[in-house]
Amino acid sequence: MKEYPVQRAAALKPLPDPDMLVFGKTFTDHMFLMDYTAGQGWHDGRIVPYAPLALEPSAMVFHYAQEVFEGLKAYRSPDGGVQLFRPMENVRRINSSCERMCIPQLPEEDTLAAIEQLVRVEERWVPAKPGTSLYIRPFVIATDPFLGVHPSKTYKFIIILSPVGSYYAAGLNPVKICVEDEYVRAVKGGMGFAKTGGNYAASLKAQQDAAGYAQVLWLDGVERKYVEEGGGMNVMFKIGGTVVTPALTGSILRGITRKSSIELLKSWGVPVEERLLSVDELFNAAESGALEEAWCVGTAAVVSPIGTLSWDGRDYPINGNKIGALSRRLYDELTGIQWGTKPDPFGWTCPID
């Protein structure tokens, strides 16, 4: 596997208190950098001290939002080792995002090698406290100093690391979410399936207006009737014994936790349907009691149970506003595999040697 040169930081930062970790606030001693130049390709990959970037004010990323990113985690296992969870899925997805954003493809094996090597260099930052992990943020930005709407000819690929605790301060407690029926996040044919900052910027106004709710529930941008995803995660609903999750129609992120959840559920014999789910069907199920459980899934929170759905001024409690048995089992199994406290029959984990 490829090894990149390492420039060590002159002084190392003190490690944060694992009981006080806030998601995305603290960053490690080093980062990975690699450059792209048209005609030369990706080159000069290296690990360097974490520091500010020097970019021209005219860098195209600032003006035309040509950028993509990913999110995955490194976990401390009971034997003291460190492992990743399905990292090649993230590598493939960032390349899918790159294709949509006219960014040159990253070499898959070299990209995985960069992630693994940086985590090895920063292994002391992987916390051991239950529920904590080291968040990994790979991203690519367009760097041409030029004001013109066309793909950049130069880019930077960067990986930074951040020790994190629970995504939600309340932990694994049911959250309250509301249907967003004014704003639109994405449409088929747009960038909805890509992990790019513009999708998240488009969600900010709705989330800001949804005071008192942990997230919003997005509807499709054309008919405004089909459920798509949560504010930053995919969604799943247990309706009459069957788990229903919105189909990947091109405007929904291909979540890796979503994919893993579907594979786990099917391995347990739980019926799963990936299909269009209208908001009317969903709330009819909520009113009749057929909606047994609901939850969001994503890398940051893994599983986030939904205790109350709100739409058109009405609240619909789900499962007595308590986490359901299936979503609890899903959370326990996924996190058990990720932290190495449960067997991994799927070969999803990747130990850092």
Protein backbone atom coordinates (compact mmCIF):
# COMPACT_ATOMS: atom_id res chain seq x y z
CA MET A 1 0.00 0.00 0.00
CA LYS A 2 1.22 3.50 -0.86
CA GLU A 3 3.10 5.43 1.84
CA TYR A 4 3.16 9.22 1.80
CA PRO A 5 5.90 11.46 3.22
CA VAL A 6 5.17 12.81 6.70
CA GLN A 7 6.18 16.20 8.08
CA ARG A 8 5.73 15.97 11.84
CA ALA A 9 4.33 18.84 13.88
CA ALA A 10 6.96 20.60 15.99
CA ALA A 11 4.77 20.33 19.09
CA LEU A 12 1.76 18.11 19.77
CA LYS A 13 -1.51 19.41 21.17
CA PRO A 14 -2.86 18.10 24.47
CA LEU A 15 -5.60 15.52 23.99
CA PRO A 16 -9.11 16.74 24.86
CA ASP A 17 -11.10 15.37 27.77
CA PRO A 18 -13.11 12.45 26.29
CA ASP A 19 -16.05 13.44 28.50
CA MET A 20 -16.16 16.91 26.94
CA LEU A 21 -15.96 16.13 23.22
CA VAL A 22 -18.20 18.29 21.04
CA PHE A 23 -18.82 17.15 17.47
CA GLY A 24 -16.53 18.88 14.96
CA LYS A 25 -14.84 21.39 17.30
CA THR A 26 -11.37 19.94 17.93
CA PHE A 27 -8.85 18.90 15.28
CA THR A 28 -5.74 16.74 15.42
CA ASP A 29 -2.07 17.60 14.90
CA HIS A 30 -1.78 16.64 11.22
CA MET A 31 -3.72 16.64 7.96
CA PHE A 32 -3.30 15.12 4.51
CA LEU A 33 -2.84 17.24 1.38
CA MET A 34 -2.64 16.28 -2.30
CA ASP A 35 -2.72 18.53 -5.35
CA TYR A 36 -4.19 18.17 -8.82
CA THR A 37 -2.92 19.96 -11.89
CA ALA A 38 -4.42 19.49 -15.34
CA GLY A 39 -2.01 17.47 -17.49
CA GLN A 40 -0.21 16.10 -14.42
CA GLY A 41 -3.03 14.52 -12.44
CA TRP A 42 -3.05 14.05 -8.68
CA HIS A 43 0.42 14.53 -7.21
CA ASP A 44 2.49 15.39 -4.13
CA GLY A 45 0.41 13.62 -1.53
CA ARG A 46 1.81 14.32 1.95
CA ILE A 47 0.93 14.46 5.64
CA VAL A 48 1.72 17.83 7.21
CA PRO A 49 0.94 19.71 10.43
CA TYR A 50 -2.67 20.90 10.68
CA ALA A 51 -2.60 24.58 9.70
CA PRO A 52 -4.57 27.24 7.78
CA LEU A 53 -4.62 26.98 4.00
CA ALA A 54 -3.26 29.70 1.75
CA LEU A 55 -5.72 30.31 -1.09
CA GLU A 56 -6.26 33.15 -3.53
CA PRO A 57 -9.43 35.19 -2.81
CA SER A 58 -10.35 34.37 -6.41
CA ALA A 59 -10.12 30.60 -5.83
CA MET A 60 -13.06 29.10 -7.66
CA VAL A 61 -14.36 27.13 -4.69
CA PHE A 62 -15.38 30.43 -3.05
CA HIS A 63 -17.37 31.64 -6.04
CA TYR A 64 -18.81 28.58 -7.78
CA ALA A 65 -18.93 26.02 -4.94
CA GLN A 66 -17.03 23.35 -6.84
CA GLU A 67 -16.23 21.02 -3.95
CA VAL A 68 -17.16 17.65 -2.46
CA PHE A 69 -16.63 15.99 0.90
CA GLU A 70 -17.06 12.75 2.83
CA GLY A 71 -17.47 11.65 6.42
CA LEU A 72 -16.40 8.43 8.12
CA LYS A 73 -14.99 7.38 11.48
CA ALA A 74 -12.17 5.46 13.13
CA TYR A 75 -13.13 3.43 16.21
CA ARG A 76 -11.13 2.14 19.18
CA SER A 77 -11.79 -1.59 19.63
CA PRO A 78 -11.74 -3.39 23.02
CA ASP A 79 -8.25 -4.79 22.37
CA GLY A 80 -6.88 -1.25 21.93
CA GLY A 81 -6.68 -1.45 18.15
CA VAL A 82 -8.25 0.98 15.70
CA GLN A 83 -10.59 0.14 12.83
CA LEU A 84 -12.55 1.85 10.07
CA PHE A 85 -16.06 0.97 8.89
CA ARG A 86 -16.53 0.31 5.16
CA PRO A 87 -14.02 3.02 4.12
CA MET A 88 -13.95 2.00 0.46
CA GLU A 89 -17.66 2.85 0.27
CA ASN A 90 -16.74 6.43 1.19
CA VAL A 91 -13.93 6.49 -1.36
CA ARG A 92 -16.29 5.34 -4.10
CA ARG A 93 -18.95 7.81 -3.06
CA ILE A 94 -16.58 10.77 -3.09
CA ASN A 95 -15.65 9.80 -6.64
CA SER A 96 -19.35 9.66 -7.53
CA SER A 97 -19.67 13.17 -6.12
CA CYS A 98 -16.54 14.25 -8.01
CA GLU A 99 -18.03 13.05 -11.28
CA ARG A 100 -21.19 15.10 -10.72
CA MET A 101 -19.16 18.20 -9.78
CA CYS A 102 -16.70 17.88 -12.72
CA ILE A 103 -13.80 17.14 -10.37
CA PRO A 104 -11.11 14.64 -11.47
CA GLN A 105 -11.50 11.16 -9.98
CA LEU A 106 -9.30 10.27 -7.02
CA PRO A 107 -7.26 7.04 -7.30
CA GLU A 108 -9.23 4.69 -5.05
CA GLU A 109 -6.46 2.60 -3.50
CA ASP A 110 -4.21 5.62 -2.95
CA THR A 111 -7.09 7.54 -1.35
CA LEU A 112 -7.81 4.69 1.05
CA ALA A 113 -4.07 4.48 1.81
CA ALA A 114 -4.05 8.20 2.65
CA ILE A 115 -6.96 7.80 5.08
CA GLU A 116 -5.38 4.80 6.78
CA GLN A 117 -1.92 6.37 7.05
CA LEU A 118 -3.23 9.62 8.50
CA VAL A 119 -5.23 7.70 11.12
CA ARG A 120 -2.10 5.70 11.99
CA VAL A 121 -0.09 8.92 12.40
CA GLU A 122 -2.85 10.33 14.65
CA GLU A 123 -3.73 7.10 16.47
CA ARG A 124 -3.36 8.70 19.91
CA TRP A 125 -6.33 10.91 19.02
CA VAL A 126 -8.74 7.95 18.66
CA PRO A 127 -10.65 8.08 21.97
CA ALA A 128 -11.45 4.92 23.91
CA LYS A 129 -14.49 6.10 25.88
CA PRO A 130 -17.67 4.26 24.79
CA GLY A 131 -19.63 6.25 22.23
CA THR A 132 -16.64 8.29 21.06
CA SER A 133 -14.68 8.03 17.81
CA LEU A 134 -12.34 9.89 15.46
CA TYR A 135 -14.30 11.62 12.70
CA ILE A 136 -12.57 11.67 9.31
CA ARG A 137 -13.39 14.45 6.84
CA PRO A 138 -11.91 14.02 3.31
CA PHE A 139 -12.75 16.85 0.89
CA VAL A 140 -11.77 18.32 -2.47
CA ILE A 141 -11.83 22.02 -3.36
CA ALA A 142 -11.34 23.87 -6.66
CA THR A 143 -8.36 26.25 -6.43
CA ASP A 144 -8.00 28.03 -9.80
CA PRO A 145 -7.64 31.80 -9.17
CA PHE A 146 -10.16 32.71 -11.84
CA LEU A 147 -13.64 34.21 -12.04
CA GLY A 148 -15.41 32.24 -14.73
CA VAL A 149 -18.02 29.51 -14.70
CA HIS A 150 -16.22 26.37 -15.83
CA PRO A 151 -14.47 23.48 -14.09
CA SER A 152 -11.23 24.35 -12.34
CA LYS A 153 -7.93 23.00 -13.63
CA THR A 154 -6.37 22.74 -10.17
CA TYR A 155 -7.67 21.18 -6.94
CA LYS A 156 -6.64 20.24 -3.43
CA PHE A 157 -7.63 16.98 -1.77
CA ILE A 158 -7.49 17.34 2.02
CA ILE A 159 -8.23 15.06 4.96
CA ILE A 160 -8.71 16.40 8.49
CA LEU A 161 -9.55 14.50 11.68
CA SER A 162 -11.64 15.39 14.73
CA PRO A 163 -12.26 13.36 17.92
CA VAL A 164 -16.00 13.34 18.57
CA GLY A 165 -18.64 12.26 21.02
CA SER A 166 -22.35 11.85 20.32
CA TYR A 167 -23.71 13.91 17.43
CA TYR A 168 -26.73 14.87 19.51
CA ALA A 169 -26.11 16.13 23.03
CA ALA A 170 -29.10 14.13 24.23
CA GLY A 171 -27.57 10.90 22.94
CA LEU A 172 -29.78 8.05 21.72
CA ASN A 173 -33.07 9.70 22.62
CA PRO A 174 -36.02 10.18 20.26
CA VAL A 175 -35.99 13.53 18.46
CA LYS A 176 -38.76 15.70 17.11
CA ILE A 177 -38.74 16.47 13.39
CA CYS A 178 -41.12 18.39 11.13
CA VAL A 179 -42.06 18.10 7.49
CA GLU A 180 -40.59 20.91 5.37
CA ASP A 181 -43.18 21.91 2.79
CA GLU A 182 -41.96 25.38 1.81
CA TYR A 183 -38.31 24.98 0.85
CA VAL A 184 -36.73 22.40 -1.45
CA ARG A 185 -33.37 20.73 -0.87
CA ALA A 186 -32.79 19.05 -4.24
CA VAL A 187 -34.49 17.73 -7.37
CA LYS A 188 -33.87 14.76 -9.62
CA GLY A 189 -31.21 15.73 -12.14
CA GLY A 190 -29.60 18.11 -9.67
CA MET A 191 -26.91 17.49 -7.05
CA GLY A 192 -29.00 15.77 -4.36
CA PHE A 193 -27.15 12.45 -4.54
CA ALA A 194 -23.73 14.15 -4.34
CA LYS A 195 -22.11 15.01 -1.04
CA THR A 196 -21.39 18.64 -1.78
CA GLY A 197 -21.71 21.74 0.36
CA GLY A 198 -24.40 23.35 -1.76
CA ASN A 199 -26.92 20.71 -0.68
CA TYR A 200 -26.28 21.51 2.96
CA ALA A 201 -26.34 25.27 2.41
CA ALA A 202 -29.75 24.81 0.78
CA SER A 203 -31.00 23.17 3.99
CA LEU A 204 -29.94 25.89 6.42
CA LYS A 205 -32.90 28.23 6.07
CA ALA A 206 -35.44 25.48 6.66
CA GLN A 207 -33.53 24.18 9.66
CA GLN A 208 -33.18 27.67 11.11
CA ASP A 209 -36.92 28.28 10.75
CA ALA A 210 -37.75 24.91 12.34
CA ALA A 211 -37.16 26.13 15.89
CA GLY A 212 -37.70 23.41 18.46
CA TYR A 213 -37.08 20.57 16.01
CA ALA A 214 -33.90 18.50 15.73
CA GLN A 215 -34.27 18.16 11.96
CA VAL A 216 -36.62 18.73 9.07
CA LEU A 217 -38.06 16.03 6.84
CA TRP A 218 -37.60 16.93 3.17
CA LEU A 219 -40.16 16.24 0.46
CA ASP A 220 -39.38 15.81 -3.22
CA GLY A 221 -38.84 19.03 -5.12
CA VAL A 222 -41.25 18.37 -8.01
CA GLU A 223 -44.55 17.05 -6.68
CA ARG A 224 -43.84 18.04 -3.08
CA LYS A 225 -45.56 14.89 -1.86
CA TYR A 226 -42.92 12.18 -1.46
CA VAL A 227 -40.68 11.82 1.59
CA GLU A 228 -36.97 12.01 0.72
CA GLU A 229 -34.58 12.35 3.67
CA GLY A 230 -33.95 14.10 6.94
CA GLY A 231 -31.96 17.30 7.36
CA GLY A 232 -28.62 15.49 7.27
CA MET A 233 -29.54 11.80 7.24
CA ASN A 234 -31.55 9.15 5.45
CA VAL A 235 -34.85 8.06 7.01
CA MET A 236 -36.56 4.73 7.68
CA PHE A 237 -40.09 3.90 8.84
CA LYS A 238 -41.48 0.64 10.18
CA ILE A 239 -45.03 0.49 8.83
CA GLY A 240 -47.12 -2.60 9.57
CA GLY A 241 -44.03 -4.73 10.18
CA THR A 242 -42.19 -3.63 7.02
CA VAL A 243 -39.32 -1.15 6.97
CA VAL A 244 -39.91 1.44 4.25
CA THR A 245 -37.18 3.83 3.14
CA PRO A 246 -37.35 6.34 0.27
CA ALA A 247 -35.98 5.03 -3.02
CA LEU A 248 -32.75 6.48 -4.39
CA THR A 249 -34.21 8.53 -7.22
CA GLY A 250 -31.21 10.81 -7.80
CA SER A 251 -32.04 13.52 -5.27
CA ILE A 252 -31.19 11.49 -2.15
CA LEU A 253 -27.72 10.80 -0.75
CA ARG A 254 -26.62 7.18 -1.08
CA GLY A 255 -26.01 6.78 2.62
CA ILE A 256 -23.51 4.14 3.71
CA THR A 257 -25.26 3.71 7.06
CA ARG A 258 -28.51 3.41 5.09
CA LYS A 259 -27.00 0.68 2.91
CA SER A 260 -25.59 -1.14 5.95
CA SER A 261 -28.92 -0.91 7.78
CA ILE A 262 -30.80 -2.40 4.83
CA GLU A 263 -28.31 -5.26 4.58
CA LEU A 264 -28.55 -5.94 8.31
CA LEU A 265 -32.36 -5.84 8.34
CA LYS A 266 -32.58 -8.24 5.41
CA SER A 267 -30.12 -10.60 7.11
CA TRP A 268 -32.53 -10.69 10.07
CA GLY A 269 -35.46 -11.52 7.82
CA VAL A 270 -37.09 -8.09 8.25
CA PRO A 271 -39.01 -7.05 5.11
CA VAL A 272 -37.52 -3.88 3.56
CA GLU A 273 -39.01 -1.78 0.78
CA GLU A 274 -37.08 0.94 -1.05
CA ARG A 275 -39.84 2.89 -2.77
CA LEU A 276 -41.69 6.16 -3.10
CA LEU A 277 -43.42 7.02 0.18
CA SER A 278 -45.94 9.83 0.07
CA VAL A 279 -46.31 12.13 3.04
CA ASP A 280 -50.04 11.31 3.03
CA GLU A 281 -49.32 7.58 3.34
CA LEU A 282 -46.86 8.24 6.13
CA PHE A 283 -49.21 10.36 8.21
CA ASN A 284 -52.17 8.10 7.56
CA ALA A 285 -50.01 5.33 9.02
CA ALA A 286 -49.16 7.58 11.97
CA GLU A 287 -52.84 8.29 12.63
CA SER A 288 -53.90 4.65 12.35
CA GLY A 289 -51.08 3.31 14.48
CA ALA A 290 -49.52 1.37 11.59
CA LEU A 291 -46.39 3.54 11.90
CA GLU A 292 -44.60 1.56 14.58
CA GLU A 293 -41.14 3.15 14.51
CA ALA A 294 -39.22 5.83 12.64
CA TRP A 295 -35.55 6.72 12.65
CA CYS A 296 -32.80 8.55 10.77
CA VAL A 297 -29.51 6.90 9.84
CA GLY A 298 -26.13 8.46 9.08
CA THR A 299 -22.43 8.31 9.88
CA ALA A 300 -22.51 11.04 12.52
CA ALA A 301 -25.35 9.76 14.72
CA VAL A 302 -25.58 6.17 13.33
CA VAL A 303 -29.25 5.80 14.34
CA SER A 304 -31.38 8.70 15.54
CA PRO A 305 -34.86 7.58 16.62
CA ILE A 306 -37.78 9.85 15.74
CA GLY A 307 -40.18 10.31 18.64
CA THR A 308 -42.53 12.88 17.09
CA LEU A 309 -43.35 13.79 13.50
CA SER A 310 -44.94 17.20 12.90
CA TRP A 311 -46.86 18.33 9.85
CA ASP A 312 -49.33 21.09 9.20
CA GLY A 313 -49.36 22.19 12.83
CA ARG A 314 -50.03 18.74 14.27
CA ASP A 315 -47.73 16.45 16.26
CA TYR A 316 -47.81 12.69 15.75
CA PRO A 317 -46.04 10.76 18.54
CA ILE A 318 -44.41 7.52 17.44
CA ASN A 319 -44.12 4.49 19.72
CA GLY A 320 -45.02 6.57 22.75
CA ASN A 321 -42.08 8.90 21.99
CA LYS A 322 -39.71 6.06 22.90
CA ILE A 323 -37.02 4.31 20.90
CA GLY A 324 -38.42 1.19 19.23
CA ALA A 325 -37.09 -2.33 19.58
CA LEU A 326 -35.96 -2.59 15.95
CA SER A 327 -34.18 0.76 15.81
CA ARG A 328 -32.49 -0.06 19.14
CA ARG A 329 -31.36 -3.42 17.77
CA LEU A 330 -30.09 -1.76 14.61
CA TYR A 331 -28.12 0.82 16.62
CA ASP A 332 -26.65 -1.81 18.93
CA GLU A 333 -25.61 -4.06 16.04
CA LEU A 334 -24.10 -1.32 13.90
CA THR A 335 -22.17 0.29 16.74
CA GLY A 336 -21.13 -3.13 18.03
CA ILE A 337 -19.57 -3.96 14.67
CA GLN A 338 -18.02 -0.50 14.38
CA TRP A 339 -16.41 -0.58 17.85
CA GLY A 340 -15.50 -4.26 17.63
CA THR A 341 -17.69 -5.44 20.49
CA LYS A 342 -19.78 -7.65 18.17
CA PRO A 343 -18.76 -10.05 15.38
CA ASP A 344 -18.50 -8.66 11.86
CA PRO A 345 -19.97 -11.38 9.59
CA PHE A 346 -20.05 -9.00 6.62
CA GLY A 347 -16.36 -8.07 6.56
CA TRP A 348 -17.22 -4.39 6.92
CA THR A 349 -14.45 -3.38 9.33
CA CYS A 350 -10.95 -2.44 8.25
CA PRO A 351 -8.26 -2.68 10.99
CA ILE A 352 -5.52 -0.05 10.98
CA ASP A 353 -2.27 -2.02 11.31
